[in-house]
Amino acid sequence: MENKNNKMLFTIDLLKGEGIPIKSRPESIVVAAATFAVPAIVAIVMLNCYLSTSVAVSIQKQNISSYDKKISELSEAVKLYNSFENKKEVINNCLSEVSSSLSKHTQWSAILAMLVENMPDSMVLTELEVRQRPAKKKVPQKDNPETMIDVSVIVETLHMSVSGNPQNNCDEAVKQFRDRIRSSELLGAKLEDIRVSQEFNTLKSQDSVSYDIDCVFKPKL
């Protein structure tokens, strides 16, 4: 009870001291404010991180989509490149086979021209053919050169028959023809042997002499 200006005031505490609020102090206010502020700050930071992460993820998705598109385009280019490489390999293999096949065959045009140019004037060419026969030849084994093995080869023989009058000294003419063939730059190194056989004939009551000339080529491996 207080007495101010002669007025009587009475304080009645029906809650017996339990309902009167505690007066706030600055420390309490700071603590209370901090209690609510920290979660709010954390939430703001997390929200900011979430938004930043979402933006970054969106950008990365766009980048990934762009990269996937480029990879798809490059994938087609790579497939096309591999296809070209496969075709190139097939063509190279074919060319290698053609080259190998050509090396095993003799080009006859230049050889025939050389034979015609060197044919003796006193002789007449009556037969010309190329004969082939299979044969076996011993060669060093690739992985063991000291070991000799048999391989199948084709031996080519250029067969010619020429004839002339015995009075024209045909023997010497054929000998010179054979020597010119043997020393020829075109044929000399390719020949293994030149065989000549002679035969006398009578044609229409006239004597003649014929020669079989066999130019045996070295086997081609």
Protein backbone atom coordinates (compact mmCIF):
# COMPACT_ATOMS: atom_id res chain seq x y z
CA MET A 1 0.00 0.00 0.00
CA GLU A 2 1.35 3.36 -0.99
CA ASN A 3 0.40 6.83 0.15
CA LYS A 4 0.70 9.57 -2.44
CA ASN A 5 -1.16 12.83 -2.12
CA ASN A 6 -3.07 11.36 0.74
CA LYS A 7 -4.60 8.73 -1.58
CA MET A 8 -4.66 5.19 -0.48
CA LEU A 9 -3.65 2.52 -3.14
CA PHE A 10 -3.88 -1.15 -2.52
CA THR A 11 -2.14 -3.88 -4.52
CA ILE A 12 -3.92 -7.18 -4.50
CA ASP A 13 -1.94 -10.19 -5.81
CA LEU A 14 -4.45 -12.87 -6.54
CA LEU A 15 -1.75 -15.10 -8.18
CA LYS A 16 0.43 -14.90 -5.09
CA GLY A 17 3.44 -13.50 -6.94
CA GLU A 18 3.38 -15.95 -9.87
CA GLY A 19 1.64 -13.76 -12.44
CA ILE A 20 3.87 -10.71 -12.26
CA PRO A 21 6.22 -10.72 -15.34
CA ILE A 22 9.90 -10.54 -14.71
CA LYS A 23 11.35 -7.28 -15.80
CA SER A 24 13.48 -7.67 -18.89
CA ARG A 25 17.19 -6.98 -18.76
CA PRO A 26 19.47 -6.13 -21.74
CA GLU A 27 21.30 -9.44 -21.48
CA SER A 28 18.04 -11.33 -21.67
CA ILE A 29 16.96 -9.37 -24.72
CA VAL A 30 20.26 -10.14 -26.50
CA VAL A 31 20.03 -13.83 -25.68
CA ALA A 32 16.42 -13.99 -26.84
CA ALA A 33 17.22 -12.12 -30.02
CA ALA A 34 20.17 -14.39 -30.69
CA THR A 35 18.00 -17.43 -30.09
CA PHE A 36 15.67 -16.40 -32.92
CA ALA A 37 18.28 -14.74 -35.15
CA VAL A 38 20.70 -17.71 -35.49
CA PRO A 39 18.16 -20.12 -37.03
CA ALA A 40 16.95 -17.34 -39.29
CA ILE A 41 20.51 -16.60 -40.47
CA VAL A 42 21.19 -20.30 -40.97
CA ALA A 43 17.96 -20.62 -42.95
CA ILE A 44 18.89 -17.63 -45.11
CA VAL A 45 22.37 -19.03 -45.73
CA MET A 46 20.96 -22.45 -46.60
CA LEU A 47 18.38 -20.87 -48.88
CA ASN A 48 21.12 -18.87 -50.58
CA CYS A 49 23.24 -22.01 -50.97
CA TYR A 50 20.23 -23.90 -52.32
CA LEU A 51 19.46 -21.19 -54.83
CA SER A 52 23.13 -20.94 -55.85
CA THR A 53 23.35 -24.71 -56.17
CA SER A 54 20.13 -24.82 -58.19
CA VAL A 55 21.46 -22.18 -60.56
CA ALA A 56 24.80 -24.02 -60.85
CA VAL A 57 23.02 -27.34 -61.45
CA SER A 58 20.84 -25.73 -64.11
CA ILE A 59 23.91 -24.28 -65.86
CA GLN A 60 25.72 -27.61 -65.66
CA LYS A 61 22.69 -29.40 -67.09
CA GLN A 62 22.70 -26.98 -70.01
CA ASN A 63 26.45 -27.55 -70.46
CA ILE A 64 25.98 -31.31 -70.30
CA SER A 65 23.17 -31.12 -72.84
CA SER A 66 25.42 -29.05 -75.12
CA TYR A 67 28.31 -31.49 -74.65
CA ASP A 68 26.00 -34.45 -75.34
CA LYS A 69 24.91 -32.81 -78.58
CA LYS A 70 28.52 -32.19 -79.59
CA ILE A 71 29.49 -35.73 -78.60
CA SER A 72 26.61 -37.06 -80.70
CA GLU A 73 27.81 -35.03 -83.68
CA LEU A 74 31.39 -36.14 -83.10
CA SER A 75 30.21 -39.73 -82.69
CA GLU A 76 28.75 -39.65 -86.20
CA ALA A 77 31.97 -38.14 -87.48
CA VAL A 78 33.99 -40.84 -85.71
CA LYS A 79 31.79 -43.56 -87.20
CA LEU A 80 32.25 -42.04 -90.65
CA TYR A 81 36.01 -41.79 -90.10
CA ASN A 82 36.20 -45.42 -88.96
CA SER A 83 34.15 -46.44 -91.99
CA PHE A 84 36.58 -44.60 -94.28
CA GLU A 85 39.55 -46.18 -92.51
CA ASN A 86 38.04 -49.66 -92.95
CA LYS A 87 37.43 -49.00 -96.64
CA LYS A 88 40.96 -47.63 -96.95
CA GLU A 89 42.36 -50.79 -95.38
CA VAL A 90 40.33 -52.98 -97.74
CA ILE A 91 41.51 -50.96 -100.76
CA ASN A 92 45.14 -51.12 -99.60
CA ASN A 93 44.86 -54.89 -99.14
CA CYS A 94 43.40 -55.20 -102.65
CA LEU A 95 46.17 -53.04 -104.09
CA SER A 96 48.74 -55.15 -102.27
CA GLU A 97 47.23 -58.32 -103.73
CA VAL A 98 47.13 -56.77 -107.21
CA SER A 99 50.75 -55.64 -106.88
CA SER A 100 51.79 -59.09 -105.69
CA SER A 101 49.86 -60.70 -108.53
CA LEU A 102 51.38 -58.39 -111.13
CA SER A 103 54.87 -59.10 -109.87
CA LYS A 104 54.25 -62.80 -110.56
CA HIS A 105 53.29 -62.18 -114.20
CA THR A 106 55.54 -61.14 -117.03
CA GLN A 107 54.67 -58.16 -119.20
CA TRP A 108 55.20 -59.50 -122.71
CA SER A 109 54.67 -56.48 -124.99
CA ALA A 110 58.17 -55.06 -124.63
CA ILE A 111 59.71 -58.55 -124.77
CA LEU A 112 57.97 -59.38 -128.04
CA ALA A 113 59.06 -56.07 -129.54
CA MET A 114 62.68 -56.83 -128.56
CA LEU A 115 62.52 -60.32 -130.10
CA VAL A 116 61.16 -58.98 -133.37
CA GLU A 117 63.90 -56.33 -133.55
CA ASN A 118 66.65 -58.93 -133.00
CA MET A 119 65.23 -61.74 -135.11
CA PRO A 120 67.78 -62.84 -137.80
CA ASP A 121 66.79 -61.72 -141.28
CA SER A 122 67.60 -65.16 -142.67
CA MET A 123 65.18 -66.90 -140.27
CA VAL A 124 61.39 -67.13 -140.20
CA LEU A 125 59.44 -67.29 -136.94
CA THR A 126 57.07 -70.26 -137.16
CA GLU A 127 55.91 -70.64 -133.56
CA LEU A 128 55.77 -68.50 -130.44
CA GLU A 129 54.08 -69.34 -127.14
CA VAL A 130 54.48 -69.01 -123.39
CA ARG A 131 54.43 -72.22 -121.41
CA GLN A 132 53.91 -72.53 -117.69
CA ARG A 133 54.57 -75.43 -115.39
CA PRO A 134 54.41 -75.83 -111.60
CA ALA A 135 57.61 -76.58 -109.76
CA LYS A 136 59.11 -76.77 -106.29
CA LYS A 137 61.86 -74.46 -105.15
CA LYS A 138 63.82 -74.48 -101.92
CA VAL A 139 63.88 -71.13 -100.11
CA PRO A 140 64.94 -70.06 -96.59
CA GLN A 141 62.17 -70.15 -94.02
CA LYS A 142 61.11 -66.64 -92.99
CA ASP A 143 61.40 -67.09 -89.23
CA ASN A 144 64.40 -69.43 -89.52
CA PRO A 145 66.65 -68.54 -92.49
CA GLU A 146 68.95 -71.49 -91.81
CA THR A 147 66.14 -73.92 -92.59
CA MET A 148 65.28 -74.51 -96.24
CA ILE A 149 61.70 -75.30 -97.19
CA ASP A 150 59.95 -76.23 -100.46
CA VAL A 151 57.52 -73.72 -101.94
CA SER A 152 55.32 -74.00 -105.01
CA VAL A 153 56.31 -71.76 -107.91
CA ILE A 154 55.36 -71.27 -111.55
CA VAL A 155 58.12 -71.58 -114.12
CA GLU A 156 57.53 -69.70 -117.37
CA THR A 157 59.17 -70.67 -120.65
CA LEU A 158 59.08 -68.57 -123.79
CA HIS A 159 59.11 -71.10 -126.62
CA MET A 160 60.05 -70.04 -130.17
CA SER A 161 60.51 -72.01 -133.35
CA VAL A 162 62.45 -70.48 -136.24
CA SER A 163 63.40 -72.01 -139.57
CA GLY A 164 65.64 -71.16 -142.48
CA ASN A 165 67.62 -72.43 -145.41
CA PRO A 166 70.62 -74.57 -144.38
CA GLN A 167 72.76 -72.77 -146.93
CA ASN A 168 72.40 -69.46 -145.05
CA ASN A 169 74.59 -70.44 -142.11
CA CYS A 170 71.60 -70.62 -139.81
CA ASP A 171 73.64 -72.03 -136.93
CA GLU A 172 75.61 -68.82 -136.57
CA ALA A 173 72.47 -66.66 -136.97
CA VAL A 174 70.65 -68.54 -134.19
CA LYS A 175 73.74 -68.40 -131.95
CA GLN A 176 73.91 -64.61 -132.35
CA PHE A 177 70.17 -64.32 -131.70
CA ARG A 178 70.53 -66.36 -128.51
CA ASP A 179 73.45 -64.19 -127.36
CA ARG A 180 71.49 -60.98 -127.97
CA ILE A 181 68.63 -62.34 -125.89
CA ARG A 182 70.98 -63.38 -123.07
CA SER A 183 72.66 -59.94 -122.97
CA SER A 184 69.42 -58.00 -123.25
CA GLU A 185 68.72 -55.56 -120.40
CA LEU A 186 65.07 -56.50 -120.66
CA LEU A 187 65.48 -60.29 -120.45
CA GLY A 188 69.03 -61.15 -119.42
CA ALA A 189 68.58 -60.92 -115.62
CA LYS A 190 65.19 -62.68 -115.75
CA LEU A 191 66.35 -65.80 -117.57
CA GLU A 192 67.65 -68.93 -115.93
CA ASP A 193 68.60 -70.71 -119.14
CA ILE A 194 68.27 -70.60 -122.95
CA ARG A 195 68.00 -73.98 -124.63
CA VAL A 196 68.36 -74.50 -128.38
CA SER A 197 67.60 -77.67 -130.32
CA GLN A 198 67.95 -78.27 -134.05
CA GLU A 199 65.95 -80.33 -136.55
CA PHE A 200 66.25 -80.80 -140.31
CA ASN A 201 63.10 -80.98 -142.39
CA THR A 202 62.05 -81.19 -146.02
CA LEU A 203 59.22 -78.95 -147.14
CA LYS A 204 58.00 -79.07 -150.75
CA SER A 205 61.14 -80.85 -151.91
CA GLN A 206 63.28 -78.17 -150.25
CA ASP A 207 65.56 -78.76 -147.33
CA SER A 208 65.08 -76.57 -144.27
CA VAL A 209 66.43 -76.41 -140.78
CA SER A 210 64.37 -75.45 -137.77
CA TYR A 211 65.42 -74.47 -134.28
CA ASP A 212 63.44 -74.65 -131.07
CA ILE A 213 64.54 -71.90 -128.67
CA ASP A 214 63.30 -72.14 -125.08
CA CYS A 215 63.93 -69.14 -122.84
CA VAL A 216 63.42 -70.44 -119.29
CA PHE A 217 62.57 -67.69 -116.77
CA LYS A 218 63.64 -67.69 -113.17
CA PRO A 219 60.80 -68.82 -110.83
CA LYS A 220 58.86 -65.98 -109.20
CA LEU A 221 58.18 -66.38 -105.50
